[in-house]
Amino acid sequence: MNYSCQNCSQSISEEQLLPIKDISLRVMPGEIMPAGECPHCGALCHSEATEDNNTKEILFNALLTAYGALCARMDPHKPPRMPVDWKTLDHAAC
């Protein structure tokens, strides 16, 4: 399996990945867990397979949950206008 560096865009094999230093400072809760560090520049590397619409849909669902909670706090009597899917997220408004 190949991995892609977020910084230098190098394609890296699993054998080349380095352990992630200070992972708790570099990866926030809810983010996709990186596979390792780039041996070229030290940035985080993710599986090239995760960079597709499935990842966008997973992130969309997390954002949708947070969006609904935010709208409910702003006006609990007005239901939020929820987007249909991740492609229409930018058209949504409370």
PDB file of N, CA and C in Angstrom:
ATOM      1  N   MET A   1       0.849  -1.180   0.000  1.00  0.00           N
ATOM      2  CA  MET A   1       0.000   0.000   0.000  1.00  0.00           C
ATOM      3  C   MET A   1       0.891   1.238   0.000  1.00  0.00           C
ATOM      4  N   ASN A   2       0.465   2.253  -0.722  1.00  0.00           N
ATOM      5  CA  ASN A   2       1.215   3.503  -0.766  1.00  0.00           C
ATOM      6  C   ASN A   2       0.533   4.577   0.063  1.00  0.00           C
ATOM      7  N   TYR A   3       1.335   5.504   0.534  1.00  0.00           N
ATOM      8  CA  TYR A   3       0.868   6.607   1.362  1.00  0.00           C
ATOM      9  C   TYR A   3       1.318   7.911   0.733  1.00  0.00           C
ATOM     10  N   SER A   4       0.568   8.967   0.975  1.00  0.00           N
ATOM     11  CA  SER A   4       0.861  10.266   0.385  1.00  0.00           C
ATOM     12  C   SER A   4       1.210  11.266   1.481  1.00  0.00           C
ATOM     13  N   CYS A   5       2.282  12.019   1.268  1.00  0.00           N
ATOM     14  CA  CYS A   5       2.706  13.042   2.226  1.00  0.00           C
ATOM     15  C   CYS A   5       1.848  14.289   2.054  1.00  0.00           C
ATOM     16  N   GLN A   6       1.360  14.841   3.163  1.00  0.00           N
ATOM     17  CA  GLN A   6       0.534  16.046   3.123  1.00  0.00           C
ATOM     18  C   GLN A   6       1.339  17.272   2.726  1.00  0.00           C
ATOM     19  N   ASN A   7       2.626  17.234   2.913  1.00  0.00           N
ATOM     20  CA  ASN A   7       3.471  18.402   2.666  1.00  0.00           C
ATOM     21  C   ASN A   7       4.147  18.355   1.301  1.00  0.00           C
ATOM     22  N   CYS A   8       4.950  17.340   1.056  1.00  0.00           N
ATOM     23  CA  CYS A   8       5.741  17.298  -0.181  1.00  0.00           C
ATOM     24  C   CYS A   8       5.096  16.441  -1.276  1.00  0.00           C
ATOM     25  N   SER A   9       3.956  15.826  -0.979  1.00  0.00           N
ATOM     26  CA  SER A   9       3.176  15.025  -1.941  1.00  0.00           C
ATOM     27  C   SER A   9       3.917  13.801  -2.469  1.00  0.00           C
ATOM     28  N   GLN A  10       4.984  13.398  -1.786  1.00  0.00           N
ATOM     29  CA  GLN A  10       5.710  12.179  -2.184  1.00  0.00           C
ATOM     30  C   GLN A  10       4.819  10.965  -1.948  1.00  0.00           C
ATOM     31  N   SER A  11       4.937   9.976  -2.803  1.00  0.00           N
ATOM     32  CA  SER A  11       4.282   8.697  -2.597  1.00  0.00           C
ATOM     33  C   SER A  11       5.267   7.812  -1.841  1.00  0.00           C
ATOM     34  N   ILE A  12       4.834   7.286  -0.690  1.00  0.00           N
ATOM     35  CA  ILE A  12       5.736   6.578   0.224  1.00  0.00           C
ATOM     36  C   ILE A  12       5.203   5.164   0.473  1.00  0.00           C
ATOM     37  N   SER A  13       6.079   4.193   0.439  1.00  0.00           N
ATOM     38  CA  SER A  13       5.672   2.819   0.747  1.00  0.00           C
ATOM     39  C   SER A  13       5.589   2.637   2.262  1.00  0.00           C
ATOM     40  N   GLU A  14       4.900   1.601   2.663  1.00  0.00           N
ATOM     41  CA  GLU A  14       4.712   1.326   4.094  1.00  0.00           C
ATOM     42  C   GLU A  14       6.048   1.113   4.803  1.00  0.00           C
ATOM     43  N   GLU A  15       6.992   0.506   4.116  1.00  0.00           N
ATOM     44  CA  GLU A  15       8.302   0.238   4.704  1.00  0.00           C
ATOM     45  C   GLU A  15       9.093   1.521   4.971  1.00  0.00           C
ATOM     46  N   GLN A  16       8.819   2.575   4.214  1.00  0.00           N
ATOM     47  CA  GLN A  16       9.555   3.828   4.354  1.00  0.00           C
ATOM     48  C   GLN A  16       8.994   4.740   5.453  1.00  0.00           C
ATOM     49  N   LEU A  17       7.752   4.514   5.871  1.00  0.00           N
ATOM     50  CA  LEU A  17       7.130   5.386   6.873  1.00  0.00           C
ATOM     51  C   LEU A  17       7.890   5.360   8.192  1.00  0.00           C
ATOM     52  N   LEU A  18       7.970   6.510   8.833  1.00  0.00           N
ATOM     53  CA  LEU A  18       8.603   6.625  10.151  1.00  0.00           C
ATOM     54  C   LEU A  18       7.520   6.754  11.224  1.00  0.00           C
ATOM     55  N   PRO A  19       7.838   6.403  12.474  1.00  0.00           N
ATOM     56  CA  PRO A  19       6.871   6.603  13.558  1.00  0.00           C
ATOM     57  C   PRO A  19       6.546   8.101  13.708  1.00  0.00           C
ATOM     58  N   ILE A  20       5.324   8.397  14.117  1.00  0.00           N
ATOM     59  CA  ILE A  20       4.888   9.792  14.269  1.00  0.00           C
ATOM     60  C   ILE A  20       5.345  10.333  15.617  1.00  0.00           C
ATOM     61  N   LYS A  21       6.097  11.433  15.568  1.00  0.00           N
ATOM     62  CA  LYS A  21       6.546  12.096  16.798  1.00  0.00           C
ATOM     63  C   LYS A  21       5.463  13.071  17.249  1.00  0.00           C
ATOM     64  N   ASP A  22       5.228  13.173  18.555  1.00  0.00           N
ATOM     65  CA  ASP A  22       4.274  14.128  19.136  1.00  0.00           C
ATOM     66  C   ASP A  22       2.896  14.036  18.482  1.00  0.00           C
ATOM     67  N   ILE A  23       2.388  12.818  18.366  1.00  0.00           N
ATOM     68  CA  ILE A  23       1.125  12.615  17.651  1.00  0.00           C
ATOM     69  C   ILE A  23      -0.039  13.383  18.291  1.00  0.00           C
ATOM     70  N   SER A  24      -0.060  13.505  19.610  1.00  0.00           N
ATOM     71  CA  SER A  24      -1.177  14.202  20.274  1.00  0.00           C
ATOM     72  C   SER A  24      -1.181  15.697  19.966  1.00  0.00           C
ATOM     73  N   LEU A  25      -0.054  16.243  19.551  1.00  0.00           N
ATOM     74  CA  LEU A  25       0.019  17.651  19.178  1.00  0.00           C
ATOM     75  C   LEU A  25      -0.265  17.877  17.696  1.00  0.00           C
ATOM     76  N   ARG A  26      -0.219  16.806  16.922  1.00  0.00           N
ATOM     77  CA  ARG A  26      -0.325  16.937  15.473  1.00  0.00           C
ATOM     78  C   ARG A  26      -1.630  16.418  14.895  1.00  0.00           C
ATOM     79  N   VAL A  27      -2.352  15.594  15.650  1.00  0.00           N
ATOM     80  CA  VAL A  27      -3.612  15.023  15.173  1.00  0.00           C
ATOM     81  C   VAL A  27      -4.706  15.359  16.178  1.00  0.00           C
ATOM     82  N   MET A  28      -5.741  16.019  15.715  1.00  0.00           N
ATOM     83  CA  MET A  28      -6.847  16.428  16.582  1.00  0.00           C
ATOM     84  C   MET A  28      -7.915  15.340  16.617  1.00  0.00           C
ATOM     85  N   PRO A  29      -8.710  15.290  17.687  1.00  0.00           N
ATOM     86  CA  PRO A  29      -9.806  14.320  17.747  1.00  0.00           C
ATOM     87  C   PRO A  29     -10.737  14.485  16.544  1.00  0.00           C
ATOM     88  N   GLY A  30     -11.113  13.376  15.961  1.00  0.00           N
ATOM     89  CA  GLY A  30     -12.000  13.400  14.807  1.00  0.00           C
ATOM     90  C   GLY A  30     -11.287  13.398  13.470  1.00  0.00           C
ATOM     91  N   GLU A  31      -9.987  13.710  13.468  1.00  0.00           N
ATOM     92  CA  GLU A  31      -9.230  13.685  12.223  1.00  0.00           C
ATOM     93  C   GLU A  31      -8.887  12.249  11.849  1.00  0.00           C
ATOM     94  N   ILE A  32      -8.667  12.040  10.585  1.00  0.00           N
ATOM     95  CA  ILE A  32      -8.249  10.722  10.119  1.00  0.00           C
ATOM     96  C   ILE A  32      -6.830  10.468  10.607  1.00  0.00           C
ATOM     97  N   MET A  33      -6.629   9.310  11.207  1.00  0.00           N
ATOM     98  CA  MET A  33      -5.334   8.978  11.779  1.00  0.00           C
ATOM     99  C   MET A  33      -4.314   8.743  10.674  1.00  0.00           C
ATOM    100  N   PRO A  34      -3.191   9.463  10.700  1.00  0.00           N
ATOM    101  CA  PRO A  34      -2.150   9.244   9.694  1.00  0.00           C
ATOM    102  C   PRO A  34      -1.459   7.903   9.893  1.00  0.00           C
ATOM    103  N   ALA A  35      -0.822   7.432   8.842  1.00  0.00           N
ATOM    104  CA  ALA A  35      -0.138   6.140   8.899  1.00  0.00           C
ATOM    105  C   ALA A  35       1.278   6.261   9.437  1.00  0.00           C
ATOM    106  N   GLY A  36       1.886   7.435   9.274  1.00  0.00           N
ATOM    107  CA  GLY A  36       3.250   7.618   9.730  1.00  0.00           C
ATOM    108  C   GLY A  36       3.793   8.959   9.277  1.00  0.00           C
ATOM    109  N   GLU A  37       5.089   9.148   9.488  1.00  0.00           N
ATOM    110  CA  GLU A  37       5.768  10.378   9.089  1.00  0.00           C
ATOM    111  C   GLU A  37       6.520  10.168   7.788  1.00  0.00           C
ATOM    112  N   CYS A  38       6.566  11.218   6.997  1.00  0.00           N
ATOM    113  CA  CYS A  38       7.306  11.198   5.734  1.00  0.00           C
ATOM    114  C   CYS A  38       8.809  11.161   6.038  1.00  0.00           C
ATOM    115  N   PRO A  39       9.552  10.236   5.415  1.00  0.00           N
ATOM    116  CA  PRO A  39      10.993  10.191   5.644  1.00  0.00           C
ATOM    117  C   PRO A  39      11.739  11.343   4.951  1.00  0.00           C
ATOM    118  N   HIS A  40      11.052  12.048   4.044  1.00  0.00           N
ATOM    119  CA  HIS A  40      11.694  13.139   3.299  1.00  0.00           C
ATOM    120  C   HIS A  40      11.586  14.474   4.026  1.00  0.00           C
ATOM    121  N   CYS A  41      10.388  14.774   4.571  1.00  0.00           N
ATOM    122  CA  CYS A  41      10.194  16.102   5.173  1.00  0.00           C
ATOM    123  C   CYS A  41       9.637  16.060   6.599  1.00  0.00           C
ATOM    124  N   GLY A  42       9.206  14.891   7.090  1.00  0.00           N
ATOM    125  CA  GLY A  42       8.708  14.776   8.459  1.00  0.00           C
ATOM    126  C   GLY A  42       7.235  15.087   8.636  1.00  0.00           C
ATOM    127  N   ALA A  43       6.527  15.418   7.548  1.00  0.00           N
ATOM    128  CA  ALA A  43       5.092  15.693   7.633  1.00  0.00           C
ATOM    129  C   ALA A  43       4.320  14.377   7.761  1.00  0.00           C
ATOM    130  N   LEU A  44       3.022  14.493   8.025  1.00  0.00           N
ATOM    131  CA  LEU A  44       2.187  13.305   8.194  1.00  0.00           C
ATOM    132  C   LEU A  44       1.794  12.708   6.851  1.00  0.00           C
ATOM    133  N   CYS A  45       1.684  11.378   6.814  1.00  0.00           N
ATOM    134  CA  CYS A  45       1.302  10.662   5.609  1.00  0.00           C
ATOM    135  C   CYS A  45       0.012   9.886   5.858  1.00  0.00           C
ATOM    136  N   HIS A  46      -0.864   9.919   4.860  1.00  0.00           N
ATOM    137  CA  HIS A  46      -2.125   9.184   4.924  1.00  0.00           C
ATOM    138  C   HIS A  46      -2.181   8.194   3.770  1.00  0.00           C
ATOM    139  N   SER A  47      -3.000   7.181   3.937  1.00  0.00           N
ATOM    140  CA  SER A  47      -3.213   6.216   2.877  1.00  0.00           C
ATOM    141  C   SER A  47      -3.782   6.938   1.666  1.00  0.00           C
ATOM    142  N   GLU A  48      -3.267   6.629   0.496  1.00  0.00           N
ATOM    143  CA  GLU A  48      -3.788   7.243  -0.720  1.00  0.00           C
ATOM    144  C   GLU A  48      -5.226   6.809  -0.973  1.00  0.00           C
ATOM    145  N   ALA A  49      -5.621   5.665  -0.423  1.00  0.00           N
ATOM    146  CA  ALA A  49      -6.989   5.172  -0.606  1.00  0.00           C
ATOM    147  C   ALA A  49      -8.005   5.984   0.195  1.00  0.00           C
ATOM    148  N   THR A  50      -7.586   6.714   1.242  1.00  0.00           N
ATOM    149  CA  THR A  50      -8.549   7.458   2.062  1.00  0.00           C
ATOM    150  C   THR A  50      -8.905   8.805   1.460  1.00  0.00           C
ATOM    151  N   GLU A  51      -8.204   9.235   0.437  1.00  0.00           N
ATOM    152  CA  GLU A  51      -8.455  10.544  -0.152  1.00  0.00           C
ATOM    153  C   GLU A  51      -9.474  10.426  -1.284  1.00  0.00           C
ATOM    154  N   ASP A  52     -10.713  10.060  -0.934  1.00  0.00           N
ATOM    155  CA  ASP A  52     -11.758   9.921  -1.938  1.00  0.00           C
ATOM    156  C   ASP A  52     -13.085  10.409  -1.361  1.00  0.00           C
ATOM    157  N   ASN A  53     -14.155  10.172  -2.082  1.00  0.00           N
ATOM    158  CA  ASN A  53     -15.464  10.661  -1.656  1.00  0.00           C
ATOM    159  C   ASN A  53     -15.952  10.004  -0.378  1.00  0.00           C
ATOM    160  N   ASN A  54     -15.510   8.771  -0.074  1.00  0.00           N
ATOM    161  CA  ASN A  54     -15.928   8.135   1.177  1.00  0.00           C
ATOM    162  C   ASN A  54     -15.418   8.930   2.375  1.00  0.00           C
ATOM    163  N   THR A  55     -14.205   9.417   2.290  1.00  0.00           N
ATOM    164  CA  THR A  55     -13.655  10.237   3.360  1.00  0.00           C
ATOM    165  C   THR A  55     -14.451  11.527   3.486  1.00  0.00           C
ATOM    166  N   LYS A  56     -14.766  12.145   2.361  1.00  0.00           N
ATOM    167  CA  LYS A  56     -15.552  13.379   2.388  1.00  0.00           C
ATOM    168  C   LYS A  56     -16.923  13.132   3.016  1.00  0.00           C
ATOM    169  N   GLU A  57     -17.517  11.997   2.718  1.00  0.00           N
ATOM    170  CA  GLU A  57     -18.831  11.693   3.277  1.00  0.00           C
ATOM    171  C   GLU A  57     -18.754  11.468   4.789  1.00  0.00           C
ATOM    172  N   ILE A  58     -17.709  10.818   5.260  1.00  0.00           N
ATOM    173  CA  ILE A  58     -17.523  10.609   6.701  1.00  0.00           C
ATOM    174  C   ILE A  58     -17.351  11.951   7.400  1.00  0.00           C
ATOM    175  N   LEU A  59     -16.510  12.805   6.832  1.00  0.00           N
ATOM    176  CA  LEU A  59     -16.315  14.137   7.413  1.00  0.00           C
ATOM    177  C   LEU A  59     -17.597  14.959   7.348  1.00  0.00           C
ATOM    178  N   PHE A  60     -18.341  14.838   6.250  1.00  0.00           N
ATOM    179  CA  PHE A  60     -19.605  15.545   6.123  1.00  0.00           C
ATOM    180  C   PHE A  60     -20.569  15.151   7.239  1.00  0.00           C
ATOM    181  N   ASN A  61     -20.671  13.854   7.515  1.00  0.00           N
ATOM    182  CA  ASN A  61     -21.583  13.393   8.564  1.00  0.00           C
ATOM    183  C   ASN A  61     -21.195  13.952   9.929  1.00  0.00           C
ATOM    184  N   ALA A  62     -19.906  14.046  10.197  1.00  0.00           N
ATOM    185  CA  ALA A  62     -19.455  14.635  11.457  1.00  0.00           C
ATOM    186  C   ALA A  62     -19.794  16.121  11.507  1.00  0.00           C
ATOM    187  N   LEU A  63     -19.571  16.827  10.401  1.00  0.00           N
ATOM    188  CA  LEU A  63     -19.910  18.248  10.338  1.00  0.00           C
ATOM    189  C   LEU A  63     -21.413  18.467  10.452  1.00  0.00           C
ATOM    190  N   LEU A  64     -22.183  17.591   9.841  1.00  0.00           N
ATOM    191  CA  LEU A  64     -23.638  17.704   9.888  1.00  0.00           C
ATOM    192  C   LEU A  64     -24.157  17.580  11.318  1.00  0.00           C
ATOM    193  N   THR A  65     -23.577  16.683  12.074  1.00  0.00           N
ATOM    194  CA  THR A  65     -23.955  16.523  13.476  1.00  0.00           C
ATOM    195  C   THR A  65     -23.638  17.787  14.265  1.00  0.00           C
ATOM    196  N   ALA A  66     -22.443  18.328  14.066  1.00  0.00           N
ATOM    197  CA  ALA A  66     -22.056  19.558  14.760  1.00  0.00           C
ATOM    198  C   ALA A  66     -22.913  20.732  14.306  1.00  0.00           C
ATOM    199  N   TYR A  67     -23.222  20.812  13.027  1.00  0.00           N
ATOM    200  CA  TYR A  67     -24.055  21.881  12.471  1.00  0.00           C
ATOM    201  C   TYR A  67     -25.451  21.855  13.088  1.00  0.00           C
ATOM    202  N   GLY A  68     -26.045  20.679  13.162  1.00  0.00           N
ATOM    203  CA  GLY A  68     -27.377  20.546  13.764  1.00  0.00           C
ATOM    204  C   GLY A  68     -27.375  20.961  15.227  1.00  0.00           C
ATOM    205  N   ALA A  69     -26.336  20.577  15.963  1.00  0.00           N
ATOM    206  CA  ALA A  69     -26.234  20.951  17.373  1.00  0.00           C
ATOM    207  C   ALA A  69     -26.082  22.460  17.529  1.00  0.00           C
ATOM    208  N   LEU A  70     -25.284  23.087  16.663  1.00  0.00           N
ATOM    209  CA  LEU A  70     -25.094  24.534  16.717  1.00  0.00           C
ATOM    210  C   LEU A  70     -26.394  25.277  16.416  1.00  0.00           C
ATOM    211  N   CYS A  71     -27.094  24.840  15.384  1.00  0.00           N
ATOM    212  CA  CYS A  71     -28.365  25.485  15.040  1.00  0.00           C
ATOM    213  C   CYS A  71     -29.380  25.325  16.166  1.00  0.00           C
ATOM    214  N   ALA A  72     -29.409  24.173  16.803  1.00  0.00           N
ATOM    215  CA  ALA A  72     -30.345  23.931  17.901  1.00  0.00           C
ATOM    216  C   ALA A  72     -30.042  24.843  19.087  1.00  0.00           C
ATOM    217  N   ARG A  73     -28.780  25.148  19.313  1.00  0.00           N
ATOM    218  CA  ARG A  73     -28.422  26.052  20.416  1.00  0.00           C
ATOM    219  C   ARG A  73     -28.782  27.497  20.089  1.00  0.00           C
ATOM    220  N   MET A  74     -28.688  27.852  18.797  1.00  0.00           N
ATOM    221  CA  MET A  74     -28.996  29.218  18.395  1.00  0.00           C
ATOM    222  C   MET A  74     -30.489  29.502  18.513  1.00  0.00           C
ATOM    223  N   ASP A  75     -31.323  28.575  18.075  1.00  0.00           N
ATOM    224  CA  ASP A  75     -32.776  28.726  18.166  1.00  0.00           C
ATOM    225  C   ASP A  75     -33.394  27.340  18.273  1.00  0.00           C
ATOM    226  N   PRO A  76     -33.680  26.882  19.492  1.00  0.00           N
ATOM    227  CA  PRO A  76     -34.187  25.520  19.672  1.00  0.00           C
ATOM    228  C   PRO A  76     -35.568  25.291  19.061  1.00  0.00           C
ATOM    229  N   HIS A  77     -36.296  26.361  18.703  1.00  0.00           N
ATOM    230  CA  HIS A  77     -37.645  26.217  18.145  1.00  0.00           C
ATOM    231  C   HIS A  77     -37.661  26.230  16.628  1.00  0.00           C
ATOM    232  N   LYS A  78     -36.526  26.507  16.008  1.00  0.00           N
ATOM    233  CA  LYS A  78     -36.432  26.552  14.546  1.00  0.00           C
ATOM    234  C   LYS A  78     -35.560  25.396  14.067  1.00  0.00           C
ATOM    235  N   PRO A  79     -36.152  24.443  13.345  1.00  0.00           N
ATOM    236  CA  PRO A  79     -35.323  23.329  12.860  1.00  0.00           C
ATOM    237  C   PRO A  79     -34.327  23.830  11.820  1.00  0.00           C
ATOM    238  N   PRO A  80     -33.098  23.309  11.846  1.00  0.00           N
ATOM    239  CA  PRO A  80     -32.084  23.761  10.882  1.00  0.00           C
ATOM    240  C   PRO A  80     -32.407  23.272   9.478  1.00  0.00           C
ATOM    241  N   ARG A  81     -32.014  24.062   8.487  1.00  0.00           N
ATOM    242  CA  ARG A  81     -32.092  23.616   7.092  1.00  0.00           C
ATOM    243  C   ARG A  81     -30.880  22.735   6.859  1.00  0.00           C
ATOM    244  N   MET A  82     -31.113  21.466   6.703  1.00  0.00           N
ATOM    245  CA  MET A  82     -30.015  20.521   6.576  1.00  0.00           C
ATOM    246  C   MET A  82     -29.733  20.207   5.107  1.00  0.00           C
ATOM    247  N   PRO A  83     -28.463  20.216   4.702  1.00  0.00           N
ATOM    248  CA  PRO A  83     -28.113  19.834   3.336  1.00  0.00           C
ATOM    249  C   PRO A  83     -28.384  18.354   3.099  1.00  0.00           C
ATOM    250  N   VAL A  84     -28.613  18.001   1.862  1.00  0.00           N
ATOM    251  CA  VAL A  84     -28.936  16.620   1.515  1.00  0.00           C
ATOM    252  C   VAL A  84     -27.711  15.718   1.571  1.00  0.00           C
ATOM    253  N   ASP A  85     -26.593  16.210   1.061  1.00  0.00           N
ATOM    254  CA  ASP A  85     -25.363  15.421   1.090  1.00  0.00           C
ATOM    255  C   ASP A  85     -24.162  16.355   1.159  1.00  0.00           C
ATOM    256  N   TRP A  86     -22.964  15.811   1.213  1.00  0.00           N
ATOM    257  CA  TRP A  86     -21.769  16.629   1.408  1.00  0.00           C
ATOM    258  C   TRP A  86     -21.531  17.607   0.274  1.00  0.00           C
ATOM    259  N   LYS A  87     -22.055  17.337  -0.920  1.00  0.00           N
ATOM    260  CA  LYS A  87     -21.845  18.235  -2.053  1.00  0.00           C
ATOM    261  C   LYS A  87     -22.631  19.539  -1.904  1.00  0.00           C
ATOM    262  N   THR A  88     -23.695  19.531  -1.085  1.00  0.00           N
ATOM    263  CA  THR A  88     -24.531  20.733  -0.924  1.00  0.00           C
ATOM    264  C   THR A  88     -24.281  21.430   0.409  1.00  0.00           C
ATOM    265  N   LEU A  89     -23.266  21.039   1.127  1.00  0.00           N
ATOM    266  CA  LEU A  89     -23.001  21.606   2.446  1.00  0.00           C
ATOM    267  C   LEU A  89     -22.823  23.116   2.402  1.00  0.00           C
ATOM    268  N   ASP A  90     -22.175  23.642   1.378  1.00  0.00           N
ATOM    269  CA  ASP A  90     -21.928  25.077   1.314  1.00  0.00           C
ATOM    270  C   ASP A  90     -23.199  25.899   1.073  1.00  0.00           C
ATOM    271  N   HIS A  91     -24.302  25.242   0.725  1.00  0.00           N
ATOM    272  CA  HIS A  91     -25.560  25.951   0.476  1.00  0.00           C
ATOM    273  C   HIS A  91     -26.458  25.983   1.715  1.00  0.00           C
ATOM    274  N   ALA A  92     -26.040  25.349   2.782  1.00  0.00           N
ATOM    275  CA  ALA A  92     -26.875  25.259   3.982  1.00  0.00           C
ATOM    276  C   ALA A  92     -26.730  26.525   4.827  1.00  0.00           C
ATOM    277  N   ALA A  93     -27.797  26.854   5.513  1.00  0.00           N
ATOM    278  CA  ALA A  93     -27.756  28.014   6.414  1.00  0.00           C
ATOM    279  C   ALA A  93     -28.727  27.791   7.558  1.00  0.00           C
ATOM    280  N   CYS A  94     -28.386  28.317   8.717  1.00  0.00           N
ATOM    281  CA  CYS A  94     -29.297  28.214   9.860  1.00  0.00           C
ATOM    282  C   CYS A  94     -30.462  29.162   9.651  1.00  0.00           C
TER     283      CYS A  94
END
